[in-house]
Structures are given as C-alpha cells and as structure tokens.
Amino acid sequence: MLLAVDVGNTQTCLGLYDGVDKLASWRMTTIATDTADELAMRLKSMLVMDGLAASFVSDIAISSVVPNLTEQWRKAGERSARRPPMVLSYEIAAPFVNIDYPNPEEIGADRIAVAAAAVELYGAPVMIVDFGTATNIEVIDKRGFFIGGIICPGLATSAEALFRAAAKLSSISIEVPASVIGRNTRDAVRSGLTFGEIDRIDGLVKRVFHELGYTTKVIATGGLSPRVSGLSQTIDIINDDLTLIGLRIIYNQVNGEKP
C-alpha cells in the first residue's frame, strides 16, 4: 500500500492508499528537527492506533517544503518501502504534469501535487486555493498547463503576526463571527482575519479570471479551507486531500500504474 506524505511548514498530512481507496489519514505537527528514527516511531504509532501493521506500508511518496525533513522522511521510508521512496520534484513530475513556467525547478512539490490532482479530478481550466502556512493560488489554463499562481501569507500566519505585533491583543481562535462588524475586540479581530482572507481570495481569483479571459472551477484545499471557504463567492468545491491525491497519481504514473 502507498503512504503519501505531505510535509508542510506547520503540519504534515499522511494518507494510506490501497489503489485509489484511502484507508486511513493522519495530520501531525511538523517538527523540523525530527530524525528518521523519530519519524518512523511516529508513523508506527499512528498505524497501530488505527489497527494497521507497519508492514502495510510498501510504497512511499513524499512532498516536502522542509528540506531537512525531506531527507529524514526518505530515510524513514527506506525501512519499509519495497521501492525507493519517491520525493516529488519538478524533474519527476515533468513527464506527467504539463507545466508552462519560466523556471519550473523552483515550483514547490506541494504546488505540483495539487495541480496534478485538480486536473485529474476536475479537468482544465481549474484553479486551486490551498489554505496552509501560506495561502497559494495555483492556475491551470484551458490547455491543461500549470502556468503559475499567487502566494500570500496564510490565515494562521497572518493571525500569529498580528498577535505578536499588537501587545494588547491576546491569541484568539480563528472562527467566523456572526457579523462583519465586530461588537467586541475578539469578534473584530476574527472578522478581519476570516472575512478579510476570503475577500482577498475572491478578489485575486476574479483578477485571474480577468487576466485569463475566462472563468475556471475553483477548488479549495488545506487544513483551514473548511473554516472560511463557505463564505467565498468564487470557490466551487472543497477537497482537503488534493496534495495526497496528487502524490498518489504521480507516484502511480512514475511506476507505470493507473493514476
């Protein structure tokens, strides 16, 4: 079975796949100093927690934006995978993902994975809004080519920056308030964060539509997407698993199997 691992700056998402079927998934805090031994132990604990044996993991596909952990996950994966773990990069994805980008080697693996999944599941043209540490907007044109996107501070990242800079504001959970006009400081902050984030996304998406000369489907993904996507005027679908699905699709294509 294939273990797909998406290593983000804040959280790491994992999904265990039997073909196209996801048997289990986990989300854990990314700890940049983790060693291969520690990652192997954390993985084994999660498998055991769900009644699964470590031997179930025969193949591993990794997407990582944390260089140190990329290597540590590769080493951890070598212990159980029957084939060398796939660490996603532009060079690996190039034969299977259409990319029209001046310097494609600089594209993050997570951006490539969501593009591959979106085209496979929803067709082209399509746009992906990925709510993570950064909020990324990826654009696939009507030819089916990844042509670029937009990278903004993420919702949680913006909140943390505000709390650090404003001495009188304590940490406030990210929730959508009942109204845009906050009747207390807590709701005023929540309004600015949530409505401000989604209006920024809608504005950027509409600008992309204008630049393309046509509209596209817009897919939301990422851990925070369910909290604010319902407020959007442009987001059509929420799919939290796009990166993991993209890893599965590309891994199978690399190994000559059905996506």
C-alpha atoms as a PDB file:
ATOM      1  CA  MET A   1       0.000   0.000   0.000  1.00  0.00           C
ATOM      2  CA  LEU A   2       1.090   3.539  -0.709  1.00  0.00           C
ATOM      3  CA  LEU A   3       1.769   6.039   2.051  1.00  0.00           C
ATOM      4  CA  ALA A   4       1.507   9.618   0.754  1.00  0.00           C
ATOM      5  CA  VAL A   5       3.299  12.160   2.963  1.00  0.00           C
ATOM      6  CA  ASP A   6       2.833  15.924   2.569  1.00  0.00           C
ATOM      7  CA  VAL A   7       5.350  17.755   4.772  1.00  0.00           C
ATOM      8  CA  GLY A   8       4.279  21.364   5.296  1.00  0.00           C
ATOM      9  CA  ASN A   9       5.887  24.061   7.398  1.00  0.00           C
ATOM     10  CA  THR A  10       3.233  23.769  10.116  1.00  0.00           C
ATOM     11  CA  GLN A  11       1.610  20.367   9.694  1.00  0.00           C
ATOM     12  CA  THR A  12       2.393  17.067   7.997  1.00  0.00           C
ATOM     13  CA  CYS A  13      -0.502  15.182   6.385  1.00  0.00           C
ATOM     14  CA  LEU A  14      -0.361  11.476   5.645  1.00  0.00           C
ATOM     15  CA  GLY A  15      -2.708   9.172   3.748  1.00  0.00           C
ATOM     16  CA  LEU A  16      -2.548   5.386   3.305  1.00  0.00           C
ATOM     17  CA  TYR A  17      -3.917   4.245  -0.057  1.00  0.00           C
ATOM     18  CA  ASP A  18      -4.915   0.848  -1.395  1.00  0.00           C
ATOM     19  CA  GLY A  19      -5.206   1.725  -5.069  1.00  0.00           C
ATOM     20  CA  VAL A  20      -7.476   4.785  -5.209  1.00  0.00           C
ATOM     21  CA  ASP A  21      -9.087   3.995  -1.848  1.00  0.00           C
ATOM     22  CA  LYS A  22      -7.834   5.906   1.186  1.00  0.00           C
ATOM     23  CA  LEU A  23      -7.736   3.530   4.144  1.00  0.00           C
ATOM     24  CA  ALA A  24      -6.540   5.992   6.770  1.00  0.00           C
ATOM     25  CA  SER A  25      -5.218   9.511   7.143  1.00  0.00           C
ATOM     26  CA  TRP A  26      -3.393  11.442   9.816  1.00  0.00           C
ATOM     27  CA  ARG A  27      -2.303  15.014  10.499  1.00  0.00           C
ATOM     28  CA  MET A  28       0.602  15.806  12.810  1.00  0.00           C
ATOM     29  CA  THR A  29       2.619  18.851  13.803  1.00  0.00           C
ATOM     30  CA  THR A  30       5.725  19.338  11.692  1.00  0.00           C
ATOM     31  CA  ILE A  31       8.845  19.317  13.875  1.00  0.00           C
ATOM     32  CA  ALA A  32      11.781  20.428  11.751  1.00  0.00           C
ATOM     33  CA  THR A  33      14.349  18.710  13.985  1.00  0.00           C
ATOM     34  CA  ASP A  34      12.772  15.239  13.786  1.00  0.00           C
ATOM     35  CA  THR A  35      15.162  12.454  12.806  1.00  0.00           C
ATOM     36  CA  ALA A  36      14.347   9.456  10.612  1.00  0.00           C
ATOM     37  CA  ASP A  37      14.126   7.306  13.773  1.00  0.00           C
ATOM     38  CA  GLU A  38      11.612   9.673  15.364  1.00  0.00           C
ATOM     39  CA  LEU A  39       9.521   9.862  12.208  1.00  0.00           C
ATOM     40  CA  ALA A  40       9.476   6.075  11.897  1.00  0.00           C
ATOM     41  CA  MET A  41       8.268   5.787  15.506  1.00  0.00           C
ATOM     42  CA  ARG A  42       5.552   8.416  14.999  1.00  0.00           C
ATOM     43  CA  LEU A  43       4.374   6.671  11.848  1.00  0.00           C
ATOM     44  CA  LYS A  44       4.284   3.269  13.554  1.00  0.00           C
ATOM     45  CA  SER A  45       2.261   4.732  16.441  1.00  0.00           C
ATOM     46  CA  MET A  46      -0.330   6.179  14.060  1.00  0.00           C
ATOM     47  CA  LEU A  47      -0.659   2.889  12.194  1.00  0.00           C
ATOM     48  CA  VAL A  48      -1.074   0.942  15.429  1.00  0.00           C
ATOM     49  CA  MET A  49      -3.637   3.472  16.672  1.00  0.00           C
ATOM     50  CA  ASP A  50      -5.792   2.626  13.633  1.00  0.00           C
ATOM     51  CA  GLY A  51      -5.229  -1.118  13.935  1.00  0.00           C
ATOM     52  CA  LEU A  52      -2.822  -1.275  10.998  1.00  0.00           C
ATOM     53  CA  ALA A  53       0.520  -3.059  10.824  1.00  0.00           C
ATOM     54  CA  ALA A  54       3.665  -1.221   9.801  1.00  0.00           C
ATOM     55  CA  SER A  55       4.160  -3.875   7.126  1.00  0.00           C
ATOM     56  CA  PHE A  56       1.099  -2.484   5.309  1.00  0.00           C
ATOM     57  CA  VAL A  57       3.285   0.380   4.010  1.00  0.00           C
ATOM     58  CA  SER A  58       5.064  -0.918   0.925  1.00  0.00           C
ATOM     59  CA  ASP A  59       5.457   2.289  -1.105  1.00  0.00           C
ATOM     60  CA  ILE A  60       6.011   5.904  -0.065  1.00  0.00           C
ATOM     61  CA  ALA A  61       5.543   9.191  -1.946  1.00  0.00           C
ATOM     62  CA  ILE A  62       6.784  12.393  -0.300  1.00  0.00           C
ATOM     63  CA  SER A  63       6.058  16.048  -0.932  1.00  0.00           C
ATOM     64  CA  SER A  64       8.065  18.352   1.313  1.00  0.00           C
ATOM     65  CA  VAL A  65       8.765  22.057   1.690  1.00  0.00           C
ATOM     66  CA  VAL A  66      11.054  21.451   4.696  1.00  0.00           C
ATOM     67  CA  PRO A  67      14.479  20.408   3.299  1.00  0.00           C
ATOM     68  CA  ASN A  68      15.797  18.726   6.454  1.00  0.00           C
ATOM     69  CA  LEU A  69      12.660  16.634   6.830  1.00  0.00           C
ATOM     70  CA  THR A  70      12.681  15.681   3.158  1.00  0.00           C
ATOM     71  CA  GLU A  71      15.818  13.661   3.735  1.00  0.00           C
ATOM     72  CA  GLN A  72      14.667  12.293   7.089  1.00  0.00           C
ATOM     73  CA  TRP A  73      11.358  11.087   5.637  1.00  0.00           C
ATOM     74  CA  ARG A  74      13.242   9.485   2.744  1.00  0.00           C
ATOM     75  CA  LYS A  75      15.435   7.595   5.199  1.00  0.00           C
ATOM     76  CA  ALA A  76      12.441   6.573   7.302  1.00  0.00           C
ATOM     77  CA  GLY A  77      10.640   5.356   4.194  1.00  0.00           C
ATOM     78  CA  GLU A  78      13.531   3.218   3.029  1.00  0.00           C
ATOM     79  CA  ARG A  79      12.971   0.946   6.011  1.00  0.00           C
ATOM     80  CA  SER A  80       9.575  -0.326   4.894  1.00  0.00           C
ATOM     81  CA  ALA A  81       9.034   0.510   1.218  1.00  0.00           C
ATOM     82  CA  ARG A  82       9.688  -2.193  -1.359  1.00  0.00           C
ATOM     83  CA  ARG A  83      10.757   0.520  -3.806  1.00  0.00           C
ATOM     84  CA  PRO A  84      12.815   3.627  -3.025  1.00  0.00           C
ATOM     85  CA  PRO A  85      10.551   6.410  -1.723  1.00  0.00           C
ATOM     86  CA  MET A  86       9.571   8.965  -4.342  1.00  0.00           C
ATOM     87  CA  VAL A  87      10.460  12.515  -3.311  1.00  0.00           C
ATOM     88  CA  LEU A  88       8.374  14.687  -5.607  1.00  0.00           C
ATOM     89  CA  SER A  89      10.123  17.349  -7.673  1.00  0.00           C
ATOM     90  CA  TYR A  90       9.611  19.077 -10.994  1.00  0.00           C
ATOM     91  CA  GLU A  91      12.036  16.667 -12.673  1.00  0.00           C
ATOM     92  CA  ILE A  92       9.994  13.658 -11.542  1.00  0.00           C
ATOM     93  CA  ALA A  93       6.633  15.235 -12.385  1.00  0.00           C
ATOM     94  CA  ALA A  94       7.623  16.769 -15.745  1.00  0.00           C
ATOM     95  CA  PRO A  95       6.636  13.783 -17.936  1.00  0.00           C
ATOM     96  CA  PHE A  96       3.171  13.653 -16.360  1.00  0.00           C
ATOM     97  CA  VAL A  97       2.232  17.251 -15.444  1.00  0.00           C
ATOM     98  CA  ASN A  98       2.025  19.937 -18.134  1.00  0.00           C
ATOM     99  CA  ILE A  99       3.982  22.976 -16.937  1.00  0.00           C
ATOM    100  CA  ASP A 100       4.485  26.286 -18.737  1.00  0.00           C
ATOM    101  CA  TYR A 101       6.648  28.217 -16.279  1.00  0.00           C
ATOM    102  CA  PRO A 102       9.940  30.103 -16.836  1.00  0.00           C
ATOM    103  CA  ASN A 103      11.866  28.367 -14.025  1.00  0.00           C
ATOM    104  CA  PRO A 104       9.904  25.169 -13.283  1.00  0.00           C
ATOM    105  CA  GLU A 105      12.557  23.753 -10.962  1.00  0.00           C
ATOM    106  CA  GLU A 106      11.602  26.391  -8.363  1.00  0.00           C
ATOM    107  CA  ILE A 107       7.978  25.219  -8.120  1.00  0.00           C
ATOM    108  CA  GLY A 108       7.254  23.662  -4.720  1.00  0.00           C
ATOM    109  CA  ALA A 109       6.361  19.973  -4.700  1.00  0.00           C
ATOM    110  CA  ASP A 110       3.050  20.693  -2.971  1.00  0.00           C
ATOM    111  CA  ARG A 111       2.058  23.060  -5.801  1.00  0.00           C
ATOM    112  CA  ILE A 112       2.823  20.399  -8.410  1.00  0.00           C
ATOM    113  CA  ALA A 113       0.843  17.758  -6.493  1.00  0.00           C
ATOM    114  CA  VAL A 114      -2.340  19.831  -6.163  1.00  0.00           C
ATOM    115  CA  ALA A 115      -2.155  20.787  -9.847  1.00  0.00           C
ATOM    116  CA  ALA A 116      -1.910  17.126 -10.882  1.00  0.00           C
ATOM    117  CA  ALA A 117      -4.842  16.153  -8.673  1.00  0.00           C
ATOM    118  CA  ALA A 118      -7.072  19.048  -9.754  1.00  0.00           C
ATOM    119  CA  VAL A 119      -6.633  18.323 -13.463  1.00  0.00           C
ATOM    120  CA  GLU A 120      -7.250  14.597 -12.950  1.00  0.00           C
ATOM    121  CA  LEU A 121     -10.372  15.116 -10.832  1.00  0.00           C
ATOM    122  CA  TYR A 122     -11.931  18.271 -12.252  1.00  0.00           C
ATOM    123  CA  GLY A 123     -10.365  18.862 -15.653  1.00  0.00           C
ATOM    124  CA  ALA A 124      -8.967  22.098 -17.052  1.00  0.00           C
ATOM    125  CA  PRO A 125      -9.096  25.018 -16.731  1.00  0.00           C
ATOM    126  CA  VAL A 126      -9.049  24.925 -12.957  1.00  0.00           C
ATOM    127  CA  MET A 127      -7.728  26.985 -10.061  1.00  0.00           C
ATOM    128  CA  ILE A 128      -6.708  25.714  -6.620  1.00  0.00           C
ATOM    129  CA  VAL A 129      -6.738  27.750  -3.401  1.00  0.00           C
ATOM    130  CA  ASP A 130      -4.518  25.968  -0.867  1.00  0.00           C
ATOM    131  CA  PHE A 131      -5.017  27.263   2.693  1.00  0.00           C
ATOM    132  CA  GLY A 132      -1.819  26.416   4.564  1.00  0.00           C
ATOM    133  CA  THR A 133       1.045  28.263   6.249  1.00  0.00           C
ATOM    134  CA  ALA A 134       0.914  30.273   3.040  1.00  0.00           C
ATOM    135  CA  THR A 135      -2.273  30.637   1.026  1.00  0.00           C
ATOM    136  CA  ASN A 136      -1.388  29.544  -2.506  1.00  0.00           C
ATOM    137  CA  ILE A 137      -3.496  30.032  -5.617  1.00  0.00           C
ATOM    138  CA  GLU A 138      -2.461  27.752  -8.485  1.00  0.00           C
ATOM    139  CA  VAL A 139      -3.660  28.325 -12.049  1.00  0.00           C
ATOM    140  CA  ILE A 140      -4.099  25.653 -14.725  1.00  0.00           C
ATOM    141  CA  ASP A 141      -5.192  27.132 -18.054  1.00  0.00           C
ATOM    142  CA  LYS A 142      -7.635  25.708 -20.592  1.00  0.00           C
ATOM    143  CA  ARG A 143      -4.780  23.827 -22.302  1.00  0.00           C
ATOM    144  CA  GLY A 144      -4.231  21.923 -19.059  1.00  0.00           C
ATOM    145  CA  PHE A 145      -0.915  23.644 -18.301  1.00  0.00           C
ATOM    146  CA  PHE A 146       0.201  24.887 -14.885  1.00  0.00           C
ATOM    147  CA  ILE A 147       1.105  28.494 -15.690  1.00  0.00           C
ATOM    148  CA  GLY A 148       1.822  29.950 -12.246  1.00  0.00           C
ATOM    149  CA  GLY A 149      -0.051  31.344  -9.315  1.00  0.00           C
ATOM    150  CA  ILE A 150      -0.092  33.561  -6.262  1.00  0.00           C
ATOM    151  CA  ILE A 151       1.481  33.079  -2.819  1.00  0.00           C
ATOM    152  CA  CYS A 152       0.129  35.039   0.172  1.00  0.00           C
ATOM    153  CA  PRO A 153       0.572  34.858   3.952  1.00  0.00           C
ATOM    154  CA  GLY A 154      -1.713  32.141   5.291  1.00  0.00           C
ATOM    155  CA  LEU A 155      -4.668  32.765   7.574  1.00  0.00           C
ATOM    156  CA  ALA A 156      -2.971  31.364  10.680  1.00  0.00           C
ATOM    157  CA  THR A 157       0.315  33.053   9.743  1.00  0.00           C
ATOM    158  CA  SER A 158      -1.421  36.434   9.497  1.00  0.00           C
ATOM    159  CA  ALA A 159      -3.105  35.854  12.863  1.00  0.00           C
ATOM    160  CA  GLU A 160       0.196  34.958  14.559  1.00  0.00           C
ATOM    161  CA  ALA A 161       1.886  38.056  13.129  1.00  0.00           C
ATOM    162  CA  LEU A 162      -0.951  40.251  14.416  1.00  0.00           C
ATOM    163  CA  PHE A 163      -0.808  38.752  17.903  1.00  0.00           C
ATOM    164  CA  ARG A 164       2.970  39.224  18.076  1.00  0.00           C
ATOM    165  CA  ALA A 165       2.864  42.827  16.916  1.00  0.00           C
ATOM    166  CA  ALA A 166      -0.164  44.063  18.875  1.00  0.00           C
ATOM    167  CA  ALA A 167       0.673  43.922  22.572  1.00  0.00           C
ATOM    168  CA  LYS A 168      -2.922  44.370  23.765  1.00  0.00           C
ATOM    169  CA  LEU A 169      -4.313  41.531  21.672  1.00  0.00           C
ATOM    170  CA  SER A 170      -4.117  38.062  23.135  1.00  0.00           C
ATOM    171  CA  SER A 171      -4.220  34.970  20.950  1.00  0.00           C
ATOM    172  CA  ILE A 172      -7.726  34.497  19.567  1.00  0.00           C
ATOM    173  CA  SER A 173      -9.026  31.341  17.893  1.00  0.00           C
ATOM    174  CA  ILE A 174      -9.788  31.628  14.192  1.00  0.00           C
ATOM    175  CA  GLU A 175     -13.561  31.458  13.855  1.00  0.00           C
ATOM    176  CA  VAL A 176     -16.091  33.174  11.603  1.00  0.00           C
ATOM    177  CA  PRO A 177     -18.023  35.771  13.672  1.00  0.00           C
ATOM    178  CA  ALA A 178     -21.782  36.289  13.371  1.00  0.00           C
ATOM    179  CA  SER A 179     -21.356  39.634  11.611  1.00  0.00           C
ATOM    180  CA  VAL A 180     -18.699  41.602   9.768  1.00  0.00           C
ATOM    181  CA  ILE A 181     -18.951  44.436  12.308  1.00  0.00           C
ATOM    182  CA  GLY A 182     -17.297  43.155  15.449  1.00  0.00           C
ATOM    183  CA  ARG A 183     -19.102  44.243  18.612  1.00  0.00           C
ATOM    184  CA  ASN A 184     -16.101  43.375  20.765  1.00  0.00           C
ATOM    185  CA  THR A 185     -12.354  43.152  20.213  1.00  0.00           C
ATOM    186  CA  ARG A 186     -12.362  39.391  19.811  1.00  0.00           C
ATOM    187  CA  ASP A 187     -15.004  39.426  17.059  1.00  0.00           C
ATOM    188  CA  ALA A 188     -13.429  42.466  15.394  1.00  0.00           C
ATOM    189  CA  VAL A 189     -10.167  40.515  15.067  1.00  0.00           C
ATOM    190  CA  ARG A 190     -11.993  37.402  13.851  1.00  0.00           C
ATOM    191  CA  SER A 191     -13.849  39.452  11.256  1.00  0.00           C
ATOM    192  CA  GLY A 192     -10.675  40.996   9.937  1.00  0.00           C
ATOM    193  CA  LEU A 193      -8.944  37.625   9.715  1.00  0.00           C
ATOM    194  CA  THR A 194     -11.710  35.488   8.207  1.00  0.00           C
ATOM    195  CA  PHE A 195     -13.710  37.910   6.061  1.00  0.00           C
ATOM    196  CA  GLY A 196     -10.501  39.705   5.123  1.00  0.00           C
ATOM    197  CA  GLU A 197      -8.904  36.425   3.997  1.00  0.00           C
ATOM    198  CA  ILE A 198     -11.845  35.257   1.895  1.00  0.00           C
ATOM    199  CA  ASP A 199     -12.385  38.676   0.301  1.00  0.00           C
ATOM    200  CA  ARG A 200      -8.706  38.752  -0.603  1.00  0.00           C
ATOM    201  CA  ILE A 201      -9.049  35.306  -2.199  1.00  0.00           C
ATOM    202  CA  ASP A 202     -12.198  36.253  -4.108  1.00  0.00           C
ATOM    203  CA  GLY A 203     -10.586  39.460  -5.337  1.00  0.00           C
ATOM    204  CA  LEU A 204      -7.452  37.655  -6.530  1.00  0.00           C
ATOM    205  CA  VAL A 205      -9.454  34.875  -8.212  1.00  0.00           C
ATOM    206  CA  LYS A 206     -11.524  37.450 -10.102  1.00  0.00           C
ATOM    207  CA  ARG A 207      -8.344  39.209 -11.195  1.00  0.00           C
ATOM    208  CA  VAL A 208      -7.020  35.883 -12.521  1.00  0.00           C
ATOM    209  CA  PHE A 209     -10.296  35.320 -14.394  1.00  0.00           C
ATOM    210  CA  HIS A 210      -9.881  38.750 -15.989  1.00  0.00           C
ATOM    211  CA  GLU A 211      -6.261  38.049 -16.932  1.00  0.00           C
ATOM    212  CA  LEU A 212      -7.096  34.645 -18.423  1.00  0.00           C
ATOM    213  CA  GLY A 213     -10.127  35.956 -20.270  1.00  0.00           C
ATOM    214  CA  TYR A 214     -12.338  33.154 -18.960  1.00  0.00           C
ATOM    215  CA  THR A 215     -13.506  31.632 -15.678  1.00  0.00           C
ATOM    216  CA  THR A 216     -12.464  28.290 -14.180  1.00  0.00           C
ATOM    217  CA  LYS A 217     -13.599  25.919 -11.491  1.00  0.00           C
ATOM    218  CA  VAL A 218     -12.054  26.891  -8.162  1.00  0.00           C
ATOM    219  CA  ILE A 219     -11.092  24.154  -5.705  1.00  0.00           C
ATOM    220  CA  ALA A 220     -10.189  24.833  -2.052  1.00  0.00           C
ATOM    221  CA  THR A 221      -7.842  22.568  -0.131  1.00  0.00           C
ATOM    222  CA  GLY A 222      -5.705  22.703   3.023  1.00  0.00           C
ATOM    223  CA  GLY A 223      -6.438  22.334   6.714  1.00  0.00           C
ATOM    224  CA  LEU A 224      -8.144  25.716   7.125  1.00  0.00           C
ATOM    225  CA  SER A 225     -10.259  25.548   3.970  1.00  0.00           C
ATOM    226  CA  PRO A 226     -13.490  24.315   5.656  1.00  0.00           C
ATOM    227  CA  ARG A 227     -13.487  27.273   8.061  1.00  0.00           C
ATOM    228  CA  VAL A 228     -13.754  30.038   5.503  1.00  0.00           C
ATOM    229  CA  SER A 229     -14.486  28.551   2.060  1.00  0.00           C
ATOM    230  CA  GLY A 230     -18.232  28.666   2.654  1.00  0.00           C
ATOM    231  CA  LEU A 231     -18.017  32.469   2.700  1.00  0.00           C
ATOM    232  CA  SER A 232     -16.474  32.634  -0.760  1.00  0.00           C
ATOM    233  CA  GLN A 233     -18.202  33.868  -3.906  1.00  0.00           C
ATOM    234  CA  THR A 234     -15.742  32.048  -6.171  1.00  0.00           C
ATOM    235  CA  ILE A 235     -14.817  28.709  -4.542  1.00  0.00           C
ATOM    236  CA  ASP A 236     -16.835  25.822  -6.013  1.00  0.00           C
ATOM    237  CA  ILE A 237     -15.532  22.699  -4.244  1.00  0.00           C
ATOM    238  CA  ILE A 238     -13.627  21.810  -1.064  1.00  0.00           C
ATOM    239  CA  ASN A 239     -11.249  18.833  -1.239  1.00  0.00           C
ATOM    240  CA  ASP A 240      -8.846  18.585   1.697  1.00  0.00           C
ATOM    241  CA  ASP A 241      -6.927  15.680   0.141  1.00  0.00           C
ATOM    242  CA  LEU A 242      -5.692  17.263  -3.095  1.00  0.00           C
ATOM    243  CA  THR A 243      -1.982  17.121  -2.248  1.00  0.00           C
ATOM    244  CA  LEU A 244      -2.141  13.487  -1.113  1.00  0.00           C
ATOM    245  CA  ILE A 245      -4.205  12.537  -4.159  1.00  0.00           C
ATOM    246  CA  GLY A 246      -1.712  14.308  -6.414  1.00  0.00           C
ATOM    247  CA  LEU A 247       1.132  12.363  -4.821  1.00  0.00           C
ATOM    248  CA  ARG A 248      -0.747   9.109  -5.390  1.00  0.00           C
ATOM    249  CA  ILE A 249      -1.475   9.983  -9.022  1.00  0.00           C
ATOM    250  CA  ILE A 250       2.103  10.963  -9.872  1.00  0.00           C
ATOM    251  CA  TYR A 251       3.602   8.000  -7.979  1.00  0.00           C
ATOM    252  CA  ASN A 252       1.426   5.568  -9.908  1.00  0.00           C
ATOM    253  CA  GLN A 253       2.275   7.238 -13.212  1.00  0.00           C
ATOM    254  CA  VAL A 254       6.012   7.098 -12.455  1.00  0.00           C
ATOM    255  CA  ASN A 255       5.678   3.378 -11.790  1.00  0.00           C
ATOM    256  CA  GLY A 256       3.558   2.675 -14.858  1.00  0.00           C
ATOM    257  CA  GLU A 257       0.310   2.115 -12.979  1.00  0.00           C
ATOM    258  CA  LYS A 258      -3.144   3.634 -13.376  1.00  0.00           C
ATOM    259  CA  PRO A 259      -3.456   7.101 -11.773  1.00  0.00           C
END
